[in-house]
Amino acid sequence: MGLVAYRDIGDDCVTKKVELTTDIQDLYASLLELKACGGGDWPESVNEALDVAVNKLQWTSGGDTRRIVFLVGDAPPHMDYAQDTKYPVTLSLAKQKDIIVNLRAMPPEQRMDEVNSR
């Protein structure tokens, strides 16, 4: 399992990658370090995060390996960032690489900062 955390241009970092690993405890520790913050506008750098997950993680090759991305977010992607590879292109590449992409979108009334405060 691996992790790609994302925010938006102008925040401390746009993406933070934790490479694929079999050490679930280490991955979980990295997950616990994440905090929702920043903001300004509603869209986020979803396109860049998906591109990192599909094209920059060191995926295991071979037909006997299941490759799955779970994209979790509470905001739509910025489609106005010219430098980003847009998600339809990345989804096409994921399909070619036999990577399944699943989306879990948080409803607007249950934003990540509210979930973290519970």
PDB file of N, CA and C in Angstrom:
ATOM      1  N   MET A   1       0.843  -1.166   0.000  1.00  0.00           N
ATOM      2  CA  MET A   1       0.000   0.000   0.000  1.00  0.00           C
ATOM      3  C   MET A   1       0.896   1.239   0.000  1.00  0.00           C
ATOM      4  N   GLY A   2       0.369   2.313  -0.537  1.00  0.00           N
ATOM      5  CA  GLY A   2       1.069   3.587  -0.549  1.00  0.00           C
ATOM      6  C   GLY A   2       0.090   4.706  -0.261  1.00  0.00           C
ATOM      7  N   LEU A   3       0.579   5.926  -0.314  1.00  0.00           N
ATOM      8  CA  LEU A   3      -0.258   7.067   0.022  1.00  0.00           C
ATOM      9  C   LEU A   3       0.211   8.282  -0.757  1.00  0.00           C
ATOM     10  N   VAL A   4      -0.740   8.996  -1.330  1.00  0.00           N
ATOM     11  CA  VAL A   4      -0.456  10.296  -1.929  1.00  0.00           C
ATOM     12  C   VAL A   4      -1.453  11.276  -1.313  1.00  0.00           C
ATOM     13  N   ALA A   5      -0.952  12.131  -0.445  1.00  0.00           N
ATOM     14  CA  ALA A   5      -1.786  13.182   0.148  1.00  0.00           C
ATOM     15  C   ALA A   5      -1.694  14.397  -0.768  1.00  0.00           C
ATOM     16  N   TYR A   6      -2.755  15.175  -0.831  1.00  0.00           N
ATOM     17  CA  TYR A   6      -2.730  16.339  -1.711  1.00  0.00           C
ATOM     18  C   TYR A   6      -3.490  17.497  -1.106  1.00  0.00           C
ATOM     19  N   ARG A   7      -3.086  18.675  -1.556  1.00  0.00           N
ATOM     20  CA  ARG A   7      -3.761  19.914  -1.166  1.00  0.00           C
ATOM     21  C   ARG A   7      -3.945  20.737  -2.427  1.00  0.00           C
ATOM     22  N   ASP A   8      -3.351  21.931  -2.435  1.00  0.00           N
ATOM     23  CA  ASP A   8      -3.525  22.806  -3.587  1.00  0.00           C
ATOM     24  C   ASP A   8      -2.285  23.680  -3.759  1.00  0.00           C
ATOM     25  N   ILE A   9      -2.118  24.213  -4.920  1.00  0.00           N
ATOM     26  CA  ILE A   9      -1.035  25.148  -5.178  1.00  0.00           C
ATOM     27  C   ILE A   9      -1.184  26.320  -4.219  1.00  0.00           C
ATOM     28  N   GLY A  10      -0.093  26.704  -3.580  1.00  0.00           N
ATOM     29  CA  GLY A  10      -0.113  27.775  -2.597  1.00  0.00           C
ATOM     30  C   GLY A  10      -0.111  27.260  -1.170  1.00  0.00           C
ATOM     31  N   ASP A  11      -0.464  25.993  -0.960  1.00  0.00           N
ATOM     32  CA  ASP A  11      -0.374  25.388   0.371  1.00  0.00           C
ATOM     33  C   ASP A  11       1.076  24.947   0.599  1.00  0.00           C
ATOM     34  N   ASP A  12       1.379  24.448   1.801  1.00  0.00           N
ATOM     35  CA  ASP A  12       2.750  24.029   2.123  1.00  0.00           C
ATOM     36  C   ASP A  12       3.327  23.079   1.081  1.00  0.00           C
ATOM     37  N   CYS A  13       2.556  22.106   0.687  1.00  0.00           N
ATOM     38  CA  CYS A  13       2.970  21.201  -0.387  1.00  0.00           C
ATOM     39  C   CYS A  13       1.712  20.832  -1.168  1.00  0.00           C
ATOM     40  N   VAL A  14       1.911  20.531  -2.441  1.00  0.00           N
ATOM     41  CA  VAL A  14       0.763  20.140  -3.266  1.00  0.00           C
ATOM     42  C   VAL A  14       0.493  18.657  -3.092  1.00  0.00           C
ATOM     43  N   THR A  15       1.532  17.837  -3.216  1.00  0.00           N
ATOM     44  CA  THR A  15       1.376  16.400  -2.978  1.00  0.00           C
ATOM     45  C   THR A  15       2.477  15.926  -2.034  1.00  0.00           C
ATOM     46  N   LYS A  16       2.149  14.902  -1.276  1.00  0.00           N
ATOM     47  CA  LYS A  16       3.122  14.238  -0.414  1.00  0.00           C
ATOM     48  C   LYS A  16       2.973  12.749  -0.671  1.00  0.00           C
ATOM     49  N   LYS A  17       4.045  12.140  -1.147  1.00  0.00           N
ATOM     50  CA  LYS A  17       3.999  10.732  -1.552  1.00  0.00           C
ATOM     51  C   LYS A  17       4.670   9.858  -0.504  1.00  0.00           C
ATOM     52  N   VAL A  18       3.995   8.779  -0.119  1.00  0.00           N
ATOM     53  CA  VAL A  18       4.582   7.719   0.693  1.00  0.00           C
ATOM     54  C   VAL A  18       4.602   6.500  -0.219  1.00  0.00           C
ATOM     55  N   GLU A  19       5.805   6.069  -0.576  1.00  0.00           N
ATOM     56  CA  GLU A  19       5.976   5.005  -1.573  1.00  0.00           C
ATOM     57  C   GLU A  19       5.286   3.717  -1.134  1.00  0.00           C
ATOM     58  N   LEU A  20       4.929   2.894  -2.094  1.00  0.00           N
ATOM     59  CA  LEU A  20       4.288   1.612  -1.829  1.00  0.00           C
ATOM     60  C   LEU A  20       5.166   0.771  -0.901  1.00  0.00           C
ATOM     61  N   THR A  21       4.526   0.119   0.061  1.00  0.00           N
ATOM     62  CA  THR A  21       5.246  -0.649   1.069  1.00  0.00           C
ATOM     63  C   THR A  21       4.373  -1.796   1.568  1.00  0.00           C
ATOM     64  N   THR A  22       5.005  -2.763   2.195  1.00  0.00           N
ATOM     65  CA  THR A  22       4.258  -3.820   2.884  1.00  0.00           C
ATOM     66  C   THR A  22       4.174  -3.530   4.385  1.00  0.00           C
ATOM     67  N   ASP A  23       4.816  -2.445   4.829  1.00  0.00           N
ATOM     68  CA  ASP A  23       4.824  -2.067   6.240  1.00  0.00           C
ATOM     69  C   ASP A  23       3.590  -1.200   6.545  1.00  0.00           C
ATOM     70  N   ILE A  24       2.522  -1.856   6.900  1.00  0.00           N
ATOM     71  CA  ILE A  24       1.251  -1.173   7.143  1.00  0.00           C
ATOM     72  C   ILE A  24       1.352  -0.220   8.332  1.00  0.00           C
ATOM     73  N   GLN A  25       2.096  -0.577   9.367  1.00  0.00           N
ATOM     74  CA  GLN A  25       2.224   0.291  10.545  1.00  0.00           C
ATOM     75  C   GLN A  25       2.907   1.609  10.186  1.00  0.00           C
ATOM     76  N   ASP A  26       3.948   1.550   9.361  1.00  0.00           N
ATOM     77  CA  ASP A  26       4.639   2.761   8.929  1.00  0.00           C
ATOM     78  C   ASP A  26       3.715   3.630   8.074  1.00  0.00           C
ATOM     79  N   LEU A  27       2.972   3.001   7.188  1.00  0.00           N
ATOM     80  CA  LEU A  27       2.025   3.734   6.349  1.00  0.00           C
ATOM     81  C   LEU A  27       0.941   4.383   7.216  1.00  0.00           C
ATOM     82  N   TYR A  28       0.444   3.640   8.186  1.00  0.00           N
ATOM     83  CA  TYR A  28      -0.575   4.169   9.093  1.00  0.00           C
ATOM     84  C   TYR A  28      -0.035   5.362   9.891  1.00  0.00           C
ATOM     85  N   ALA A  29       1.213   5.284  10.329  1.00  0.00           N
ATOM     86  CA  ALA A  29       1.829   6.402  11.051  1.00  0.00           C
ATOM     87  C   ALA A  29       1.901   7.636  10.153  1.00  0.00           C
ATOM     88  N   SER A  30       2.233   7.448   8.878  1.00  0.00           N
ATOM     89  CA  SER A  30       2.270   8.570   7.937  1.00  0.00           C
ATOM     90  C   SER A  30       0.877   9.161   7.745  1.00  0.00           C
ATOM     91  N   LEU A  31      -0.121   8.309   7.692  1.00  0.00           N
ATOM     92  CA  LEU A  31      -1.499   8.765   7.547  1.00  0.00           C
ATOM     93  C   LEU A  31      -1.930   9.599   8.753  1.00  0.00           C
ATOM     94  N   LEU A  32      -1.557   9.173   9.942  1.00  0.00           N
ATOM     95  CA  LEU A  32      -1.941   9.899  11.157  1.00  0.00           C
ATOM     96  C   LEU A  32      -1.291  11.275  11.248  1.00  0.00           C
ATOM     97  N   GLU A  33      -0.172  11.467  10.570  1.00  0.00           N
ATOM     98  CA  GLU A  33       0.512  12.763  10.587  1.00  0.00           C
ATOM     99  C   GLU A  33      -0.192  13.809   9.732  1.00  0.00           C
ATOM    100  N   LEU A  34      -1.079  13.395   8.841  1.00  0.00           N
ATOM    101  CA  LEU A  34      -1.744  14.334   7.945  1.00  0.00           C
ATOM    102  C   LEU A  34      -2.785  15.152   8.688  1.00  0.00           C
ATOM    103  N   LYS A  35      -2.845  16.412   8.354  1.00  0.00           N
ATOM    104  CA  LYS A  35      -3.846  17.322   8.917  1.00  0.00           C
ATOM    105  C   LYS A  35      -4.473  18.113   7.779  1.00  0.00           C
ATOM    106  N   ALA A  36      -5.767  18.284   7.835  1.00  0.00           N
ATOM    107  CA  ALA A  36      -6.463  19.117   6.850  1.00  0.00           C
ATOM    108  C   ALA A  36      -6.239  20.571   7.231  1.00  0.00           C
ATOM    109  N   CYS A  37      -5.735  21.358   6.285  1.00  0.00           N
ATOM    110  CA  CYS A  37      -5.544  22.779   6.528  1.00  0.00           C
ATOM    111  C   CYS A  37      -5.370  23.476   5.185  1.00  0.00           C
ATOM    112  N   GLY A  38      -5.213  24.760   5.229  1.00  0.00           N
ATOM    113  CA  GLY A  38      -5.079  25.525   3.988  1.00  0.00           C
ATOM    114  C   GLY A  38      -6.457  25.871   3.462  1.00  0.00           C
ATOM    115  N   GLY A  39      -6.512  26.039   2.193  1.00  0.00           N
ATOM    116  CA  GLY A  39      -7.791  26.352   1.579  1.00  0.00           C
ATOM    117  C   GLY A  39      -7.778  27.739   0.988  1.00  0.00           C
ATOM    118  N   GLY A  40      -8.922  28.231   0.753  1.00  0.00           N
ATOM    119  CA  GLY A  40      -9.092  29.519   0.091  1.00  0.00           C
ATOM    120  C   GLY A  40     -10.187  29.349  -0.934  1.00  0.00           C
ATOM    121  N   ASP A  41      -9.867  28.573  -1.956  1.00  0.00           N
ATOM    122  CA  ASP A  41     -10.906  28.223  -2.918  1.00  0.00           C
ATOM    123  C   ASP A  41     -11.307  26.772  -2.657  1.00  0.00           C
ATOM    124  N   TRP A  42     -12.358  26.325  -3.291  1.00  0.00           N
ATOM    125  CA  TRP A  42     -12.855  24.984  -3.009  1.00  0.00           C
ATOM    126  C   TRP A  42     -12.099  23.908  -3.771  1.00  0.00           C
ATOM    127  N   PRO A  43     -11.855  24.041  -5.087  1.00  0.00           N
ATOM    128  CA  PRO A  43     -11.163  22.967  -5.801  1.00  0.00           C
ATOM    129  C   PRO A  43      -9.759  22.723  -5.246  1.00  0.00           C
ATOM    130  N   GLU A  44      -9.281  21.510  -5.428  1.00  0.00           N
ATOM    131  CA  GLU A  44      -7.945  21.109  -4.965  1.00  0.00           C
ATOM    132  C   GLU A  44      -7.157  20.523  -6.136  1.00  0.00           C
ATOM    133  N   SER A  45      -5.906  20.170  -5.874  1.00  0.00           N
ATOM    134  CA  SER A  45      -5.034  19.620  -6.922  1.00  0.00           C
ATOM    135  C   SER A  45      -5.241  18.113  -7.086  1.00  0.00           C
ATOM    136  N   VAL A  46      -6.479  17.732  -7.311  1.00  0.00           N
ATOM    137  CA  VAL A  46      -6.844  16.331  -7.498  1.00  0.00           C
ATOM    138  C   VAL A  46      -6.151  15.758  -8.733  1.00  0.00           C
ATOM    139  N   ASN A  47      -6.082  16.531  -9.813  1.00  0.00           N
ATOM    140  CA  ASN A  47      -5.433  16.051 -11.041  1.00  0.00           C
ATOM    141  C   ASN A  47      -3.981  15.671 -10.775  1.00  0.00           C
ATOM    142  N   GLU A  48      -3.255  16.526 -10.061  1.00  0.00           N
ATOM    143  CA  GLU A  48      -1.842  16.235  -9.786  1.00  0.00           C
ATOM    144  C   GLU A  48      -1.688  15.020  -8.881  1.00  0.00           C
ATOM    145  N   ALA A  49      -2.540  14.910  -7.872  1.00  0.00           N
ATOM    146  CA  ALA A  49      -2.465  13.770  -6.962  1.00  0.00           C
ATOM    147  C   ALA A  49      -2.728  12.457  -7.696  1.00  0.00           C
ATOM    148  N   LEU A  50      -3.714  12.444  -8.559  1.00  0.00           N
ATOM    149  CA  LEU A  50      -4.013  11.235  -9.315  1.00  0.00           C
ATOM    150  C   LEU A  50      -2.855  10.888 -10.242  1.00  0.00           C
ATOM    151  N   ASP A  51      -2.246  11.904 -10.860  1.00  0.00           N
ATOM    152  CA  ASP A  51      -1.094  11.674 -11.731  1.00  0.00           C
ATOM    153  C   ASP A  51       0.073  11.078 -10.940  1.00  0.00           C
ATOM    154  N   VAL A  52       0.322  11.579  -9.746  1.00  0.00           N
ATOM    155  CA  VAL A  52       1.393  11.030  -8.913  1.00  0.00           C
ATOM    156  C   VAL A  52       1.088   9.577  -8.566  1.00  0.00           C
ATOM    157  N   ALA A  53      -0.145   9.297  -8.173  1.00  0.00           N
ATOM    158  CA  ALA A  53      -0.524   7.938  -7.789  1.00  0.00           C
ATOM    159  C   ALA A  53      -0.361   6.954  -8.947  1.00  0.00           C
ATOM    160  N   VAL A  54      -0.772   7.345 -10.126  1.00  0.00           N
ATOM    161  CA  VAL A  54      -0.738   6.435 -11.274  1.00  0.00           C
ATOM    162  C   VAL A  54       0.658   6.349 -11.896  1.00  0.00           C
ATOM    163  N   ASN A  55       1.345   7.477 -11.992  1.00  0.00           N
ATOM    164  CA  ASN A  55       2.586   7.514 -12.783  1.00  0.00           C
ATOM    165  C   ASN A  55       3.878   7.637 -11.983  1.00  0.00           C
ATOM    166  N   LYS A  56       3.811   7.950 -10.699  1.00  0.00           N
ATOM    167  CA  LYS A  56       5.050   8.171  -9.967  1.00  0.00           C
ATOM    168  C   LYS A  56       5.275   7.207  -8.805  1.00  0.00           C
ATOM    169  N   LEU A  57       4.276   6.454  -8.417  1.00  0.00           N
ATOM    170  CA  LEU A  57       4.503   5.393  -7.440  1.00  0.00           C
ATOM    171  C   LEU A  57       5.172   4.219  -8.146  1.00  0.00           C
ATOM    172  N   GLN A  58       5.976   3.472  -7.405  1.00  0.00           N
ATOM    173  CA  GLN A  58       6.693   2.323  -7.976  1.00  0.00           C
ATOM    174  C   GLN A  58       5.806   1.075  -7.891  1.00  0.00           C
ATOM    175  N   TRP A  59       4.881   0.961  -8.846  1.00  0.00           N
ATOM    176  CA  TRP A  59       3.932  -0.139  -8.868  1.00  0.00           C
ATOM    177  C   TRP A  59       4.632  -1.463  -9.191  1.00  0.00           C
ATOM    178  N   THR A  60       4.201  -2.529  -8.539  1.00  0.00           N
ATOM    179  CA  THR A  60       4.689  -3.868  -8.847  1.00  0.00           C
ATOM    180  C   THR A  60       4.133  -4.278 -10.200  1.00  0.00           C
ATOM    181  N   SER A  61       4.987  -4.849 -11.026  1.00  0.00           N
ATOM    182  CA  SER A  61       4.519  -5.306 -12.337  1.00  0.00           C
ATOM    183  C   SER A  61       4.143  -6.784 -12.256  1.00  0.00           C
ATOM    184  N   GLY A  62       3.449  -7.246 -13.260  1.00  0.00           N
ATOM    185  CA  GLY A  62       3.054  -8.650 -13.306  1.00  0.00           C
ATOM    186  C   GLY A  62       1.559  -8.807 -13.248  1.00  0.00           C
ATOM    187  N   GLY A  63       1.091  -9.868 -13.867  1.00  0.00           N
ATOM    188  CA  GLY A  63      -0.340 -10.112 -13.966  1.00  0.00           C
ATOM    189  C   GLY A  63      -0.982 -10.613 -12.695  1.00  0.00           C
ATOM    190  N   ASP A  64      -0.186 -11.064 -11.732  1.00  0.00           N
ATOM    191  CA  ASP A  64      -0.763 -11.615 -10.505  1.00  0.00           C
ATOM    192  C   ASP A  64      -0.879 -10.575  -9.392  1.00  0.00           C
ATOM    193  N   THR A  65      -0.694  -9.305  -9.718  1.00  0.00           N
ATOM    194  CA  THR A  65      -0.757  -8.226  -8.741  1.00  0.00           C
ATOM    195  C   THR A  65      -1.961  -7.343  -9.021  1.00  0.00           C
ATOM    196  N   ARG A  66      -2.731  -7.041  -7.993  1.00  0.00           N
ATOM    197  CA  ARG A  66      -3.872  -6.133  -8.123  1.00  0.00           C
ATOM    198  C   ARG A  66      -3.405  -4.734  -7.770  1.00  0.00           C
ATOM    199  N   ARG A  67      -3.595  -3.788  -8.678  1.00  0.00           N
ATOM    200  CA  ARG A  67      -3.191  -2.396  -8.467  1.00  0.00           C
ATOM    201  C   ARG A  67      -4.455  -1.544  -8.387  1.00  0.00           C
ATOM    202  N   ILE A  68      -4.652  -0.908  -7.219  1.00  0.00           N
ATOM    203  CA  ILE A  68      -5.869  -0.134  -6.980  1.00  0.00           C
ATOM    204  C   ILE A  68      -5.510   1.211  -6.350  1.00  0.00           C
ATOM    205  N   VAL A  69      -6.124   2.275  -6.850  1.00  0.00           N
ATOM    206  CA  VAL A  69      -6.020   3.609  -6.261  1.00  0.00           C
ATOM    207  C   VAL A  69      -7.374   3.939  -5.655  1.00  0.00           C
ATOM    208  N   PHE A  70      -7.368   4.363  -4.389  1.00  0.00           N
ATOM    209  CA  PHE A  70      -8.568   4.893  -3.754  1.00  0.00           C
ATOM    210  C   PHE A  70      -8.359   6.398  -3.652  1.00  0.00           C
ATOM    211  N   LEU A  71      -9.111   7.144  -4.425  1.00  0.00           N
ATOM    212  CA  LEU A  71      -9.023   8.595  -4.422  1.00  0.00           C
ATOM    213  C   LEU A  71     -10.096   9.124  -3.475  1.00  0.00           C
ATOM    214  N   VAL A  72      -9.655   9.714  -2.367  1.00  0.00           N
ATOM    215  CA  VAL A  72     -10.568  10.217  -1.349  1.00  0.00           C
ATOM    216  C   VAL A  72     -10.421  11.729  -1.291  1.00  0.00           C
ATOM    217  N   GLY A  73     -11.520  12.431  -1.367  1.00  0.00           N
ATOM    218  CA  GLY A  73     -11.443  13.883  -1.327  1.00  0.00           C
ATOM    219  C   GLY A  73     -12.767  14.512  -0.959  1.00  0.00           C
ATOM    220  N   ASP A  74     -12.708  15.813  -0.738  1.00  0.00           N
ATOM    221  CA  ASP A  74     -13.908  16.556  -0.388  1.00  0.00           C
ATOM    222  C   ASP A  74     -14.110  17.752  -1.311  1.00  0.00           C
ATOM    223  N   ALA A  75     -13.365  17.776  -2.421  1.00  0.00           N
ATOM    224  CA  ALA A  75     -13.447  18.918  -3.335  1.00  0.00           C
ATOM    225  C   ALA A  75     -13.180  18.441  -4.757  1.00  0.00           C
ATOM    226  N   PRO A  76     -13.697  19.164  -5.730  1.00  0.00           N
ATOM    227  CA  PRO A  76     -13.448  18.800  -7.127  1.00  0.00           C
ATOM    228  C   PRO A  76     -12.032  19.199  -7.549  1.00  0.00           C
ATOM    229  N   PRO A  77     -11.575  18.691  -8.689  1.00  0.00           N
ATOM    230  CA  PRO A  77     -10.247  19.072  -9.172  1.00  0.00           C
ATOM    231  C   PRO A  77     -10.250  20.463  -9.783  1.00  0.00           C
ATOM    232  N   HIS A  78      -9.101  21.118  -9.687  1.00  0.00           N
ATOM    233  CA  HIS A  78      -8.893  22.352 -10.452  1.00  0.00           C
ATOM    234  C   HIS A  78      -8.746  21.936 -11.915  1.00  0.00           C
ATOM    235  N   MET A  79      -9.629  22.390 -12.763  1.00  0.00           N
ATOM    236  CA  MET A  79      -9.496  22.116 -14.194  1.00  0.00           C
ATOM    237  C   MET A  79      -8.861  23.301 -14.906  1.00  0.00           C
ATOM    238  N   ASP A  80      -8.519  24.345 -14.135  1.00  0.00           N
ATOM    239  CA  ASP A  80      -7.953  25.566 -14.704  1.00  0.00           C
ATOM    240  C   ASP A  80      -6.430  25.636 -14.572  1.00  0.00           C
ATOM    241  N   TYR A  81      -5.788  24.601 -14.044  1.00  0.00           N
ATOM    242  CA  TYR A  81      -4.333  24.592 -13.932  1.00  0.00           C
ATOM    243  C   TYR A  81      -3.742  24.014 -15.221  1.00  0.00           C
ATOM    244  N   ALA A  82      -3.131  24.871 -16.016  1.00  0.00           N
ATOM    245  CA  ALA A  82      -2.620  24.463 -17.333  1.00  0.00           C
ATOM    246  C   ALA A  82      -1.540  23.385 -17.225  1.00  0.00           C
ATOM    247  N   GLN A  83      -0.749  23.398 -16.153  1.00  0.00           N
ATOM    248  CA  GLN A  83       0.365  22.456 -16.044  1.00  0.00           C
ATOM    249  C   GLN A  83      -0.078  21.045 -15.653  1.00  0.00           C
ATOM    250  N   ASP A  84      -1.290  20.886 -15.156  1.00  0.00           N
ATOM    251  CA  ASP A  84      -1.764  19.575 -14.708  1.00  0.00           C
ATOM    252  C   ASP A  84      -2.167  18.686 -15.878  1.00  0.00           C
ATOM    253  N   THR A  85      -1.892  17.398 -15.725  1.00  0.00           N
ATOM    254  CA  THR A  85      -2.482  16.397 -16.603  1.00  0.00           C
ATOM    255  C   THR A  85      -3.886  16.157 -16.069  1.00  0.00           C
ATOM    256  N   LYS A  86      -4.883  16.380 -16.889  1.00  0.00           N
ATOM    257  CA  LYS A  86      -6.263  16.288 -16.417  1.00  0.00           C
ATOM    258  C   LYS A  86      -6.657  14.830 -16.161  1.00  0.00           C
ATOM    259  N   TYR A  87      -7.573  14.644 -15.221  1.00  0.00           N
ATOM    260  CA  TYR A  87      -7.917  13.301 -14.768  1.00  0.00           C
ATOM    261  C   TYR A  87      -8.399  12.356 -15.868  1.00  0.00           C
ATOM    262  N   PRO A  88      -9.123  12.805 -16.922  1.00  0.00           N
ATOM    263  CA  PRO A  88      -9.501  11.831 -17.953  1.00  0.00           C
ATOM    264  C   PRO A  88      -8.282  11.190 -18.642  1.00  0.00           C
ATOM    265  N   VAL A  89      -7.229  11.965 -18.838  1.00  0.00           N
ATOM    266  CA  VAL A  89      -5.998  11.427 -19.445  1.00  0.00           C
ATOM    267  C   VAL A  89      -5.348  10.429 -18.491  1.00  0.00           C
ATOM    268  N   THR A  90      -5.259  10.798 -17.212  1.00  0.00           N
ATOM    269  CA  THR A  90      -4.635   9.914 -16.222  1.00  0.00           C
ATOM    270  C   THR A  90      -5.448   8.642 -16.031  1.00  0.00           C
ATOM    271  N   LEU A  91      -6.770   8.747 -16.057  1.00  0.00           N
ATOM    272  CA  LEU A  91      -7.606   7.546 -15.942  1.00  0.00           C
ATOM    273  C   LEU A  91      -7.386   6.605 -17.121  1.00  0.00           C
ATOM    274  N   SER A  92      -7.198   7.163 -18.299  1.00  0.00           N
ATOM    275  CA  SER A  92      -6.901   6.343 -19.480  1.00  0.00           C
ATOM    276  C   SER A  92      -5.564   5.619 -19.319  1.00  0.00           C
ATOM    277  N   LEU A  93      -4.558   6.330 -18.805  1.00  0.00           N
ATOM    278  CA  LEU A  93      -3.258   5.710 -18.554  1.00  0.00           C
ATOM    279  C   LEU A  93      -3.361   4.636 -17.475  1.00  0.00           C
ATOM    280  N   ALA A  94      -4.163   4.893 -16.447  1.00  0.00           N
ATOM    281  CA  ALA A  94      -4.358   3.903 -15.385  1.00  0.00           C
ATOM    282  C   ALA A  94      -4.945   2.619 -15.968  1.00  0.00           C
ATOM    283  N   LYS A  95      -5.896   2.758 -16.849  1.00  0.00           N
ATOM    284  CA  LYS A  95      -6.505   1.583 -17.471  1.00  0.00           C
ATOM    285  C   LYS A  95      -5.467   0.799 -18.274  1.00  0.00           C
ATOM    286  N   GLN A  96      -4.621   1.522 -19.002  1.00  0.00           N
ATOM    287  CA  GLN A  96      -3.555   0.858 -19.774  1.00  0.00           C
ATOM    288  C   GLN A  96      -2.578   0.125 -18.862  1.00  0.00           C
ATOM    289  N   LYS A  97      -2.351   0.645 -17.669  1.00  0.00           N
ATOM    290  CA  LYS A  97      -1.422   0.046 -16.713  1.00  0.00           C
ATOM    291  C   LYS A  97      -2.106  -0.979 -15.811  1.00  0.00           C
ATOM    292  N   ASP A  98      -3.378  -1.244 -16.063  1.00  0.00           N
ATOM    293  CA  ASP A  98      -4.168  -2.180 -15.261  1.00  0.00           C
ATOM    294  C   ASP A  98      -4.264  -1.726 -13.800  1.00  0.00           C
ATOM    295  N   ILE A  99      -4.460  -0.411 -13.614  1.00  0.00           N
ATOM    296  CA  ILE A  99      -4.659   0.170 -12.285  1.00  0.00           C
ATOM    297  C   ILE A  99      -6.128   0.574 -12.175  1.00  0.00           C
ATOM    298  N   ILE A 100      -6.799   0.052 -11.184  1.00  0.00           N
ATOM    299  CA  ILE A 100      -8.199   0.385 -10.930  1.00  0.00           C
ATOM    300  C   ILE A 100      -8.229   1.648 -10.079  1.00  0.00           C
ATOM    301  N   VAL A 101      -9.059   2.619 -10.450  1.00  0.00           N
ATOM    302  CA  VAL A 101      -9.204   3.854  -9.672  1.00  0.00           C
ATOM    303  C   VAL A 101     -10.612   3.912  -9.112  1.00  0.00           C
ATOM    304  N   ASN A 102     -10.705   3.990  -7.788  1.00  0.00           N
ATOM    305  CA  ASN A 102     -11.981   4.125  -7.091  1.00  0.00           C
ATOM    306  C   ASN A 102     -12.042   5.504  -6.453  1.00  0.00           C
ATOM    307  N   LEU A 103     -13.197   6.133  -6.510  1.00  0.00           N
ATOM    308  CA  LEU A 103     -13.392   7.467  -5.949  1.00  0.00           C
ATOM    309  C   LEU A 103     -14.284   7.393  -4.728  1.00  0.00           C
ATOM    310  N   ARG A 104     -13.856   8.060  -3.666  1.00  0.00           N
ATOM    311  CA  ARG A 104     -14.689   8.238  -2.471  1.00  0.00           C
ATOM    312  C   ARG A 104     -14.739   9.731  -2.202  1.00  0.00           C
ATOM    313  N   ALA A 105     -15.830  10.347  -2.572  1.00  0.00           N
ATOM    314  CA  ALA A 105     -15.987  11.797  -2.395  1.00  0.00           C
ATOM    315  C   ALA A 105     -16.769  12.071  -1.123  1.00  0.00           C
ATOM    316  N   MET A 106     -16.189  12.886  -0.262  1.00  0.00           N
ATOM    317  CA  MET A 106     -16.876  13.292   0.956  1.00  0.00           C
ATOM    318  C   MET A 106     -17.947  14.306   0.586  1.00  0.00           C
ATOM    319  N   PRO A 107     -19.138  14.192   1.138  1.00  0.00           N
ATOM    320  CA  PRO A 107     -20.170  15.192   0.852  1.00  0.00           C
ATOM    321  C   PRO A 107     -19.754  16.552   1.421  1.00  0.00           C
ATOM    322  N   PRO A 108     -20.160  17.633   0.762  1.00  0.00           N
ATOM    323  CA  PRO A 108     -19.762  18.971   1.212  1.00  0.00           C
ATOM    324  C   PRO A 108     -20.086  19.247   2.674  1.00  0.00           C
ATOM    325  N   GLU A 109     -21.164  18.681   3.191  1.00  0.00           N
ATOM    326  CA  GLU A 109     -21.535  18.956   4.580  1.00  0.00           C
ATOM    327  C   GLU A 109     -20.662  18.178   5.570  1.00  0.00           C
ATOM    328  N   GLN A 110     -19.796  17.305   5.073  1.00  0.00           N
ATOM    329  CA  GLN A 110     -18.927  16.524   5.951  1.00  0.00           C
ATOM    330  C   GLN A 110     -17.479  16.669   5.483  1.00  0.00           C
ATOM    331  N   ARG A 111     -16.995  17.889   5.469  1.00  0.00           N
ATOM    332  CA  ARG A 111     -15.643  18.178   5.013  1.00  0.00           C
ATOM    333  C   ARG A 111     -14.616  17.554   5.941  1.00  0.00           C
ATOM    334  N   MET A 112     -13.388  17.378   5.436  1.00  0.00           N
ATOM    335  CA  MET A 112     -12.339  16.709   6.197  1.00  0.00           C
ATOM    336  C   MET A 112     -12.028  17.401   7.524  1.00  0.00           C
ATOM    337  N   ASP A 113     -12.070  18.730   7.572  1.00  0.00           N
ATOM    338  CA  ASP A 113     -11.762  19.405   8.835  1.00  0.00           C
ATOM    339  C   ASP A 113     -12.814  19.085   9.890  1.00  0.00           C
ATOM    340  N   GLU A 114     -14.055  18.860   9.478  1.00  0.00           N
ATOM    341  CA  GLU A 114     -15.087  18.482  10.426  1.00  0.00           C
ATOM    342  C   GLU A 114     -14.901  17.051  10.890  1.00  0.00           C
ATOM    343  N   VAL A 115     -14.507  16.169   9.968  1.00  0.00           N
ATOM    344  CA  VAL A 115     -14.275  14.771  10.326  1.00  0.00           C
ATOM    345  C   VAL A 115     -13.111  14.669  11.301  1.00  0.00           C
ATOM    346  N   ASN A 116     -12.033  15.430  11.060  1.00  0.00           N
ATOM    347  CA  ASN A 116     -10.859  15.384  11.932  1.00  0.00           C
ATOM    348  C   ASN A 116     -11.144  15.921  13.328  1.00  0.00           C
ATOM    349  N   SER A 117     -12.164  16.759  13.484  1.00  0.00           N
ATOM    350  CA  SER A 117     -12.438  17.329  14.795  1.00  0.00           C
ATOM    351  C   SER A 117     -13.309  16.442  15.653  1.00  0.00           C
ATOM    352  N   ARG A 118     -13.815  15.347  15.095  1.00  0.00           N
ATOM    353  CA  ARG A 118     -14.696  14.449  15.863  1.00  0.00           C
ATOM    354  C   ARG A 118     -13.907  13.464  16.685  1.00  0.00           C
TER     355      ARG A 118
END
